[in-house]
Amino acid sequence: MTEHPDFGVGGWLALLVLGMTILGPLTGFSQMTSAFDAEIQRFHELTYNTSWRLFTQISWVVFSITAALSILGGYGLWKIHTPESVRVAIIILWAIGPVRQLFYFLAAMSIFGEYAANSMISGIIQPVIIAAIWSLYLSRSVRVKNTYYYNRSNYSGSPTMEPPLTGE
């Protein structure tokens, strides 16, 4: 039996796995560190502001939890080739995107009030779009169907078994 070309973690699926396991958490860490440092540079008095400290602590806790979920979801897609891995990854994509931003928004609103929260609400739109695109990919991709829904070891090419699909 020859290996089907649209099977396994490759193409766009490999990009998603890389993003969830390495690029996303590292980029998020870097962006948060830079953003918090920039605010401290602009407003030195924030260094000792208890509200600011509370907000940054909550933000780091939320980020840490969602980064761990991201790594878990990416690892599941990489190593555990079952339909459940895809379902979990889709849930995690929504948790690490829009839900995380919603937690940041709620923290800012409860600590700083409406003014600070209003500037953050637009930050929810991009994560919704990204989560929707990747969710659609995971739901409709031929590579994903071949990798997670068709058991490669059972595929014998017999007429009774549905063959793997073609095309990314």
N, C-alpha and C. Protein backbone atom coordinates (compact mmCIF):
# COMPACT_ATOMS: atom_id res chain seq x y z
N MET A 1 0.85 -1.18 0.00
CA MET A 1 0.00 0.00 0.00
C MET A 1 0.89 1.23 0.00
N THR A 2 0.60 2.18 -0.87
CA THR A 2 1.38 3.41 -0.93
C THR A 2 0.72 4.48 -0.06
N GLU A 3 1.53 5.37 0.45
CA GLU A 3 1.05 6.46 1.29
C GLU A 3 0.28 7.46 0.44
N HIS A 4 -0.89 7.85 0.89
CA HIS A 4 -1.70 8.82 0.16
C HIS A 4 -1.07 10.21 0.32
N PRO A 5 -1.00 11.00 -0.75
CA PRO A 5 -0.33 12.29 -0.67
C PRO A 5 -1.01 13.30 0.26
N ASP A 6 -2.31 13.18 0.45
CA ASP A 6 -3.03 14.10 1.32
C ASP A 6 -3.36 13.44 2.65
N PHE A 7 -2.35 12.86 3.25
CA PHE A 7 -2.52 12.20 4.54
C PHE A 7 -1.39 12.66 5.45
N GLY A 8 -1.69 12.82 6.71
CA GLY A 8 -0.66 13.17 7.68
C GLY A 8 -0.60 14.67 7.93
N VAL A 9 0.25 15.03 8.86
CA VAL A 9 0.40 16.42 9.25
C VAL A 9 1.36 17.09 8.28
N GLY A 10 0.80 17.76 7.30
CA GLY A 10 1.57 18.47 6.30
C GLY A 10 0.75 19.64 5.80
N GLY A 11 1.31 20.43 4.91
CA GLY A 11 0.60 21.55 4.32
C GLY A 11 0.08 22.53 5.36
N TRP A 12 -1.16 22.98 5.15
CA TRP A 12 -1.77 23.94 6.07
C TRP A 12 -1.93 23.37 7.47
N LEU A 13 -2.16 22.08 7.55
CA LEU A 13 -2.31 21.44 8.86
C LEU A 13 -1.01 21.55 9.67
N ALA A 14 0.12 21.38 9.00
CA ALA A 14 1.41 21.52 9.68
C ALA A 14 1.60 22.96 10.16
N LEU A 15 1.16 23.92 9.37
CA LEU A 15 1.25 25.32 9.78
C LEU A 15 0.41 25.57 11.03
N LEU A 16 -0.80 25.02 11.06
CA LEU A 16 -1.64 25.17 12.23
C LEU A 16 -1.00 24.53 13.47
N VAL A 17 -0.47 23.33 13.31
CA VAL A 17 0.18 22.64 14.44
C VAL A 17 1.38 23.46 14.94
N LEU A 18 2.18 23.96 14.02
CA LEU A 18 3.34 24.78 14.40
C LEU A 18 2.88 26.05 15.11
N GLY A 19 1.82 26.64 14.60
CA GLY A 19 1.29 27.85 15.22
C GLY A 19 0.75 27.61 16.62
N MET A 20 0.05 26.50 16.80
CA MET A 20 -0.53 26.21 18.10
C MET A 20 0.51 25.78 19.13
N THR A 21 1.53 25.07 18.70
CA THR A 21 2.49 24.53 19.66
C THR A 21 3.66 25.47 19.95
N ILE A 22 4.10 26.23 18.95
CA ILE A 22 5.31 27.03 19.14
C ILE A 22 5.08 28.52 18.84
N LEU A 23 4.70 28.82 17.61
CA LEU A 23 4.63 30.21 17.18
C LEU A 23 3.62 31.04 17.97
N GLY A 24 2.43 30.51 18.17
CA GLY A 24 1.39 31.25 18.89
C GLY A 24 1.78 31.60 20.32
N PRO A 25 2.18 30.61 21.12
CA PRO A 25 2.58 30.94 22.49
C PRO A 25 3.79 31.88 22.57
N LEU A 26 4.79 31.67 21.72
CA LEU A 26 5.97 32.55 21.76
C LEU A 26 5.62 33.97 21.31
N THR A 27 4.83 34.08 20.25
CA THR A 27 4.43 35.40 19.76
C THR A 27 3.56 36.11 20.80
N GLY A 28 2.63 35.38 21.39
CA GLY A 28 1.78 35.96 22.43
C GLY A 28 2.58 36.46 23.62
N PHE A 29 3.54 35.67 24.05
CA PHE A 29 4.41 36.08 25.17
C PHE A 29 5.16 37.35 24.82
N SER A 30 5.73 37.38 23.63
CA SER A 30 6.49 38.54 23.18
C SER A 30 5.61 39.78 23.07
N GLN A 31 4.43 39.63 22.51
CA GLN A 31 3.52 40.77 22.36
C GLN A 31 3.05 41.31 23.70
N MET A 32 2.73 40.42 24.63
CA MET A 32 2.28 40.89 25.95
C MET A 32 3.40 41.60 26.68
N THR A 33 4.59 41.02 26.64
CA THR A 33 5.73 41.64 27.31
C THR A 33 5.99 43.02 26.72
N SER A 34 5.99 43.11 25.41
CA SER A 34 6.24 44.40 24.75
C SER A 34 5.15 45.42 25.08
N ALA A 35 3.90 44.99 25.05
CA ALA A 35 2.79 45.90 25.33
C ALA A 35 2.85 46.43 26.77
N PHE A 36 3.10 45.54 27.71
CA PHE A 36 3.17 45.98 29.11
C PHE A 36 4.38 46.88 29.34
N ASP A 37 5.52 46.55 28.74
CA ASP A 37 6.71 47.39 28.86
C ASP A 37 6.49 48.77 28.24
N ALA A 38 5.80 48.81 27.10
CA ALA A 38 5.53 50.09 26.44
C ALA A 38 4.65 50.98 27.31
N GLU A 39 3.66 50.38 27.96
CA GLU A 39 2.79 51.17 28.84
C GLU A 39 3.56 51.70 30.04
N ILE A 40 4.44 50.91 30.58
CA ILE A 40 5.27 51.36 31.71
C ILE A 40 6.19 52.51 31.26
N GLN A 41 6.73 52.41 30.05
CA GLN A 41 7.58 53.48 29.53
C GLN A 41 6.79 54.78 29.35
N ARG A 42 5.55 54.65 28.86
CA ARG A 42 4.72 55.84 28.65
C ARG A 42 4.23 56.44 29.96
N PHE A 43 3.87 55.57 30.88
CA PHE A 43 3.31 56.03 32.15
C PHE A 43 4.09 55.37 33.29
N HIS A 44 5.15 56.02 33.72
CA HIS A 44 6.04 55.45 34.76
C HIS A 44 5.30 55.15 36.06
N GLU A 45 4.26 55.93 36.34
CA GLU A 45 3.53 55.74 37.60
C GLU A 45 2.80 54.40 37.67
N LEU A 46 2.63 53.72 36.52
CA LEU A 46 1.97 52.41 36.52
C LEU A 46 2.79 51.35 37.26
N THR A 47 4.07 51.57 37.37
CA THR A 47 4.95 50.60 38.03
C THR A 47 4.44 50.25 39.42
N TYR A 48 3.91 51.23 40.12
CA TYR A 48 3.47 50.99 41.50
C TYR A 48 1.95 51.06 41.65
N ASN A 49 1.23 51.08 40.55
CA ASN A 49 -0.22 51.16 40.58
C ASN A 49 -0.80 49.77 40.82
N THR A 50 -1.57 49.63 41.89
CA THR A 50 -2.10 48.30 42.24
C THR A 50 -3.11 47.80 41.21
N SER A 51 -3.88 48.69 40.61
CA SER A 51 -4.83 48.26 39.57
C SER A 51 -4.09 47.72 38.36
N TRP A 52 -3.03 48.40 37.97
CA TRP A 52 -2.23 47.94 36.83
C TRP A 52 -1.61 46.58 37.13
N ARG A 53 -1.07 46.45 38.33
CA ARG A 53 -0.47 45.16 38.72
C ARG A 53 -1.50 44.04 38.68
N LEU A 54 -2.69 44.30 39.19
CA LEU A 54 -3.76 43.30 39.18
C LEU A 54 -4.12 42.92 37.74
N PHE A 55 -4.26 43.92 36.88
CA PHE A 55 -4.58 43.65 35.49
C PHE A 55 -3.49 42.82 34.82
N THR A 56 -2.24 43.16 35.02
CA THR A 56 -1.16 42.39 34.38
C THR A 56 -1.11 40.96 34.93
N GLN A 57 -1.34 40.80 36.23
CA GLN A 57 -1.34 39.45 36.80
C GLN A 57 -2.47 38.61 36.23
N ILE A 58 -3.65 39.18 36.16
CA ILE A 58 -4.79 38.44 35.56
C ILE A 58 -4.49 38.11 34.11
N SER A 59 -3.94 39.07 33.39
CA SER A 59 -3.60 38.84 31.97
C SER A 59 -2.60 37.72 31.81
N TRP A 60 -1.58 37.67 32.66
CA TRP A 60 -0.58 36.60 32.55
C TRP A 60 -1.17 35.24 32.91
N VAL A 61 -2.07 35.20 33.87
CA VAL A 61 -2.72 33.93 34.22
C VAL A 61 -3.57 33.44 33.05
N VAL A 62 -4.38 34.34 32.48
CA VAL A 62 -5.21 33.98 31.34
C VAL A 62 -4.32 33.52 30.18
N PHE A 63 -3.26 34.28 29.90
CA PHE A 63 -2.36 33.91 28.81
C PHE A 63 -1.72 32.54 29.07
N SER A 64 -1.26 32.30 30.27
CA SER A 64 -0.60 31.02 30.59
C SER A 64 -1.53 29.83 30.39
N ILE A 65 -2.75 29.98 30.83
CA ILE A 65 -3.73 28.89 30.67
C ILE A 65 -4.02 28.65 29.19
N THR A 66 -4.25 29.72 28.44
CA THR A 66 -4.57 29.55 27.03
C THR A 66 -3.37 29.11 26.21
N ALA A 67 -2.17 29.52 26.59
CA ALA A 67 -0.97 29.04 25.89
C ALA A 67 -0.81 27.53 26.12
N ALA A 68 -1.05 27.08 27.35
CA ALA A 68 -0.97 25.65 27.63
C ALA A 68 -2.03 24.88 26.84
N LEU A 69 -3.24 25.42 26.75
CA LEU A 69 -4.29 24.78 25.95
C LEU A 69 -3.88 24.73 24.47
N SER A 70 -3.29 25.79 23.98
CA SER A 70 -2.85 25.84 22.59
C SER A 70 -1.83 24.75 22.30
N ILE A 71 -0.86 24.63 23.18
CA ILE A 71 0.17 23.59 23.02
C ILE A 71 -0.47 22.21 23.07
N LEU A 72 -1.39 22.02 23.98
CA LEU A 72 -2.10 20.74 24.10
C LEU A 72 -2.87 20.42 22.82
N GLY A 73 -3.60 21.40 22.30
CA GLY A 73 -4.37 21.18 21.08
C GLY A 73 -3.48 20.91 19.88
N GLY A 74 -2.39 21.64 19.76
CA GLY A 74 -1.45 21.41 18.67
C GLY A 74 -0.80 20.05 18.76
N TYR A 75 -0.44 19.66 19.96
CA TYR A 75 0.16 18.33 20.16
C TYR A 75 -0.83 17.23 19.78
N GLY A 76 -2.10 17.43 20.17
CA GLY A 76 -3.13 16.44 19.83
C GLY A 76 -3.27 16.28 18.33
N LEU A 77 -3.26 17.39 17.60
CA LEU A 77 -3.34 17.31 16.13
C LEU A 77 -2.10 16.65 15.55
N TRP A 78 -0.97 16.90 16.14
CA TRP A 78 0.30 16.37 15.64
C TRP A 78 0.41 14.86 15.86
N LYS A 79 0.06 14.41 17.07
CA LYS A 79 0.35 13.03 17.45
C LYS A 79 -0.85 12.09 17.57
N ILE A 80 -2.03 12.61 17.83
CA ILE A 80 -3.18 11.76 18.10
C ILE A 80 -4.17 11.91 16.94
N HIS A 81 -4.12 11.00 16.01
CA HIS A 81 -4.90 11.11 14.78
C HIS A 81 -6.28 10.45 14.91
N THR A 82 -7.13 11.12 15.69
CA THR A 82 -8.51 10.68 15.88
C THR A 82 -9.44 11.87 15.65
N PRO A 83 -10.70 11.62 15.34
CA PRO A 83 -11.65 12.72 15.18
C PRO A 83 -11.75 13.61 16.42
N GLU A 84 -11.56 13.03 17.59
CA GLU A 84 -11.63 13.80 18.83
C GLU A 84 -10.55 14.88 18.88
N SER A 85 -9.39 14.62 18.32
CA SER A 85 -8.32 15.62 18.28
C SER A 85 -8.77 16.85 17.51
N VAL A 86 -9.49 16.64 16.44
CA VAL A 86 -9.99 17.76 15.63
C VAL A 86 -11.03 18.55 16.41
N ARG A 87 -11.96 17.86 17.05
CA ARG A 87 -13.00 18.55 17.83
C ARG A 87 -12.38 19.36 18.97
N VAL A 88 -11.43 18.77 19.66
CA VAL A 88 -10.76 19.48 20.76
C VAL A 88 -9.99 20.68 20.22
N ALA A 89 -9.31 20.52 19.11
CA ALA A 89 -8.55 21.63 18.52
C ALA A 89 -9.46 22.80 18.16
N ILE A 90 -10.63 22.52 17.62
CA ILE A 90 -11.56 23.59 17.26
C ILE A 90 -12.02 24.34 18.51
N ILE A 91 -12.33 23.62 19.56
CA ILE A 91 -12.73 24.27 20.82
C ILE A 91 -11.58 25.11 21.36
N ILE A 92 -10.38 24.57 21.31
CA ILE A 92 -9.22 25.30 21.82
C ILE A 92 -8.94 26.55 20.97
N LEU A 93 -9.12 26.46 19.66
CA LEU A 93 -8.91 27.64 18.80
C LEU A 93 -9.82 28.79 19.23
N TRP A 94 -11.05 28.48 19.60
CA TRP A 94 -11.96 29.52 20.06
C TRP A 94 -11.58 30.00 21.46
N ALA A 95 -11.06 29.12 22.29
CA ALA A 95 -10.64 29.51 23.64
C ALA A 95 -9.40 30.40 23.62
N ILE A 96 -8.45 30.08 22.74
CA ILE A 96 -7.20 30.86 22.73
C ILE A 96 -7.32 32.15 21.93
N GLY A 97 -8.42 32.30 21.23
CA GLY A 97 -8.63 33.52 20.43
C GLY A 97 -9.65 34.43 21.08
N PRO A 98 -10.89 34.33 20.64
CA PRO A 98 -11.92 35.25 21.12
C PRO A 98 -12.20 35.15 22.62
N VAL A 99 -12.20 33.96 23.17
CA VAL A 99 -12.50 33.83 24.60
C VAL A 99 -11.41 34.48 25.44
N ARG A 100 -10.16 34.29 25.05
CA ARG A 100 -9.05 34.93 25.77
C ARG A 100 -9.21 36.45 25.71
N GLN A 101 -9.50 36.99 24.53
CA GLN A 101 -9.68 38.44 24.39
C GLN A 101 -10.85 38.92 25.24
N LEU A 102 -11.89 38.11 25.32
CA LEU A 102 -13.04 38.47 26.15
C LEU A 102 -12.64 38.55 27.62
N PHE A 103 -11.81 37.64 28.08
CA PHE A 103 -11.32 37.68 29.47
C PHE A 103 -10.47 38.94 29.71
N TYR A 104 -9.61 39.28 28.75
CA TYR A 104 -8.82 40.52 28.88
C TYR A 104 -9.75 41.73 28.97
N PHE A 105 -10.76 41.74 28.11
CA PHE A 105 -11.73 42.84 28.08
C PHE A 105 -12.46 42.95 29.42
N LEU A 106 -12.95 41.82 29.93
CA LEU A 106 -13.68 41.84 31.20
C LEU A 106 -12.78 42.27 32.36
N ALA A 107 -11.53 41.84 32.34
CA ALA A 107 -10.58 42.26 33.39
C ALA A 107 -10.36 43.76 33.32
N ALA A 108 -10.13 44.28 32.12
CA ALA A 108 -9.91 45.72 31.96
C ALA A 108 -11.14 46.51 32.40
N MET A 109 -12.30 46.02 32.03
CA MET A 109 -13.54 46.73 32.37
C MET A 109 -13.77 46.74 33.88
N SER A 110 -13.53 45.61 34.54
CA SER A 110 -13.79 45.55 35.98
C SER A 110 -12.73 46.31 36.78
N ILE A 111 -11.52 46.42 36.25
CA ILE A 111 -10.45 47.09 37.00
C ILE A 111 -10.37 48.58 36.65
N PHE A 112 -10.45 48.91 35.36
CA PHE A 112 -10.24 50.29 34.92
C PHE A 112 -11.51 51.01 34.50
N GLY A 113 -12.60 50.29 34.32
CA GLY A 113 -13.83 50.93 33.91
C GLY A 113 -14.04 50.90 32.40
N GLU A 114 -15.12 51.54 31.98
CA GLU A 114 -15.52 51.50 30.58
C GLU A 114 -14.49 52.09 29.63
N TYR A 115 -13.82 53.14 30.01
CA TYR A 115 -12.89 53.82 29.11
C TYR A 115 -11.82 52.87 28.59
N ALA A 116 -11.17 52.16 29.48
CA ALA A 116 -10.11 51.23 29.06
C ALA A 116 -10.69 50.06 28.28
N ALA A 117 -11.83 49.59 28.70
CA ALA A 117 -12.45 48.44 28.05
C ALA A 117 -12.89 48.79 26.62
N ASN A 118 -13.38 50.01 26.41
CA ASN A 118 -13.83 50.41 25.07
C ASN A 118 -12.69 50.35 24.05
N SER A 119 -11.49 50.64 24.46
CA SER A 119 -10.37 50.58 23.53
C SER A 119 -9.96 49.14 23.20
N MET A 120 -10.43 48.19 24.00
CA MET A 120 -10.05 46.79 23.79
C MET A 120 -11.08 45.99 23.00
N ILE A 121 -12.29 46.49 22.89
CA ILE A 121 -13.37 45.70 22.28
C ILE A 121 -13.06 45.34 20.83
N SER A 122 -12.39 46.21 20.11
CA SER A 122 -12.06 45.92 18.71
C SER A 122 -11.05 44.78 18.59
N GLY A 123 -10.34 44.47 19.65
CA GLY A 123 -9.37 43.38 19.64
C GLY A 123 -10.00 42.00 19.58
N ILE A 124 -11.31 41.90 19.69
CA ILE A 124 -11.99 40.61 19.65
C ILE A 124 -12.28 40.19 18.20
N ILE A 125 -12.36 41.14 17.29
CA ILE A 125 -12.74 40.84 15.91
C ILE A 125 -11.72 39.95 15.20
N GLN A 126 -10.45 40.29 15.26
CA GLN A 126 -9.43 39.50 14.57
C GLN A 126 -9.37 38.06 15.07
N PRO A 127 -9.36 37.81 16.38
CA PRO A 127 -9.36 36.41 16.84
C PRO A 127 -10.59 35.61 16.41
N VAL A 128 -11.75 36.27 16.29
CA VAL A 128 -12.94 35.58 15.81
C VAL A 128 -12.74 35.13 14.37
N ILE A 129 -12.20 36.01 13.53
CA ILE A 129 -11.96 35.68 12.12
C ILE A 129 -10.95 34.54 12.00
N ILE A 130 -9.87 34.62 12.76
CA ILE A 130 -8.84 33.57 12.70
C ILE A 130 -9.40 32.23 13.17
N ALA A 131 -10.11 32.22 14.28
CA ALA A 131 -10.69 30.97 14.79
C ALA A 131 -11.70 30.40 13.80
N ALA A 132 -12.48 31.26 13.16
CA ALA A 132 -13.47 30.80 12.18
C ALA A 132 -12.79 30.17 10.97
N ILE A 133 -11.74 30.80 10.47
CA ILE A 133 -11.03 30.27 9.30
C ILE A 133 -10.42 28.91 9.60
N TRP A 134 -9.72 28.80 10.72
CA TRP A 134 -9.09 27.51 11.06
C TRP A 134 -10.14 26.45 11.38
N SER A 135 -11.26 26.85 11.99
CA SER A 135 -12.33 25.88 12.26
C SER A 135 -12.91 25.34 10.97
N LEU A 136 -13.13 26.23 10.01
CA LEU A 136 -13.61 25.79 8.69
C LEU A 136 -12.61 24.86 8.02
N TYR A 137 -11.34 25.21 8.11
CA TYR A 137 -10.30 24.35 7.52
C TYR A 137 -10.35 22.95 8.15
N LEU A 138 -10.39 22.90 9.49
CA LEU A 138 -10.41 21.61 10.17
C LEU A 138 -11.68 20.82 9.87
N SER A 139 -12.76 21.51 9.59
CA SER A 139 -14.04 20.85 9.31
C SER A 139 -14.15 20.35 7.87
N ARG A 140 -13.43 20.99 6.94
CA ARG A 140 -13.65 20.69 5.53
C ARG A 140 -12.44 20.17 4.76
N SER A 141 -11.27 20.23 5.35
CA SER A 141 -10.06 19.85 4.63
C SER A 141 -9.99 18.36 4.31
N VAL A 142 -9.58 18.06 3.10
CA VAL A 142 -9.39 16.68 2.67
C VAL A 142 -8.26 16.05 3.50
N ARG A 143 -7.17 16.78 3.70
CA ARG A 143 -6.05 16.25 4.49
C ARG A 143 -6.51 15.90 5.90
N VAL A 144 -7.31 16.76 6.51
CA VAL A 144 -7.80 16.51 7.87
C VAL A 144 -8.70 15.28 7.89
N LYS A 145 -9.60 15.18 6.92
CA LYS A 145 -10.48 14.00 6.86
C LYS A 145 -9.66 12.72 6.69
N ASN A 146 -8.69 12.76 5.78
CA ASN A 146 -7.86 11.57 5.55
C ASN A 146 -7.02 11.21 6.77
N THR A 147 -6.54 12.20 7.49
CA THR A 147 -5.64 11.95 8.61
C THR A 147 -6.38 11.53 9.88
N TYR A 148 -7.50 12.14 10.16
CA TYR A 148 -8.17 11.93 11.45
C TYR A 148 -9.43 11.08 11.38
N TYR A 149 -10.06 10.99 10.21
CA TYR A 149 -11.33 10.28 10.13
C TYR A 149 -11.24 8.94 9.43
N TYR A 150 -10.25 8.76 8.56
CA TYR A 150 -10.05 7.47 7.90
C TYR A 150 -8.87 6.79 8.55
N ASN A 151 -9.07 5.57 8.99
CA ASN A 151 -7.99 4.83 9.64
C ASN A 151 -7.06 4.27 8.58
N ARG A 152 -5.87 4.82 8.46
CA ARG A 152 -4.91 4.44 7.43
C ARG A 152 -4.59 2.96 7.48
N SER A 153 -4.46 2.42 8.66
CA SER A 153 -4.07 1.01 8.77
C SER A 153 -5.17 0.08 8.26
N ASN A 154 -6.43 0.54 8.26
CA ASN A 154 -7.53 -0.29 7.79
C ASN A 154 -7.84 -0.09 6.32
N TYR A 155 -7.26 0.91 5.70
CA TYR A 155 -7.58 1.18 4.30
C TYR A 155 -6.87 0.18 3.41
N SER A 156 -7.65 -0.63 2.75
CA SER A 156 -7.07 -1.66 1.88
C SER A 156 -7.40 -1.41 0.42
N GLY A 157 -8.19 -0.38 0.17
CA GLY A 157 -8.58 -0.10 -1.20
C GLY A 157 -9.75 -0.96 -1.65
N SER A 158 -10.37 -1.69 -0.73
CA SER A 158 -11.50 -2.54 -1.11
C SER A 158 -12.72 -1.66 -1.41
N PRO A 159 -13.61 -2.13 -2.27
CA PRO A 159 -14.77 -1.32 -2.65
C PRO A 159 -15.68 -0.98 -1.50
N THR A 160 -15.62 -1.72 -0.39
CA THR A 160 -16.53 -1.46 0.72
C THR A 160 -16.03 -0.34 1.60
N MET A 161 -14.75 -0.03 1.51
CA MET A 161 -14.20 1.05 2.33
C MET A 161 -14.15 2.33 1.53
N GLU A 162 -14.48 3.42 2.15
CA GLU A 162 -14.40 4.71 1.48
C GLU A 162 -12.93 5.08 1.36
N PRO A 163 -12.45 5.35 0.16
CA PRO A 163 -11.03 5.66 -0.02
C PRO A 163 -10.72 7.07 0.47
N PRO A 164 -9.47 7.31 0.78
CA PRO A 164 -9.08 8.67 1.15
C PRO A 164 -9.39 9.64 0.02
N LEU A 165 -9.72 10.85 0.37
CA LEU A 165 -10.04 11.88 -0.59
C LEU A 165 -8.77 12.47 -1.17
N THR A 166 -8.89 13.21 -2.24
CA THR A 166 -7.73 13.87 -2.84
C THR A 166 -7.89 15.37 -2.76
N GLY A 167 -6.78 16.07 -2.75
CA GLY A 167 -6.77 17.53 -2.69
C GLY A 167 -6.65 18.04 -1.28
N GLU A 168 -5.85 19.10 -1.06
CA GLU A 168 -5.64 19.68 0.26
C GLU A 168 -6.93 20.33 0.68
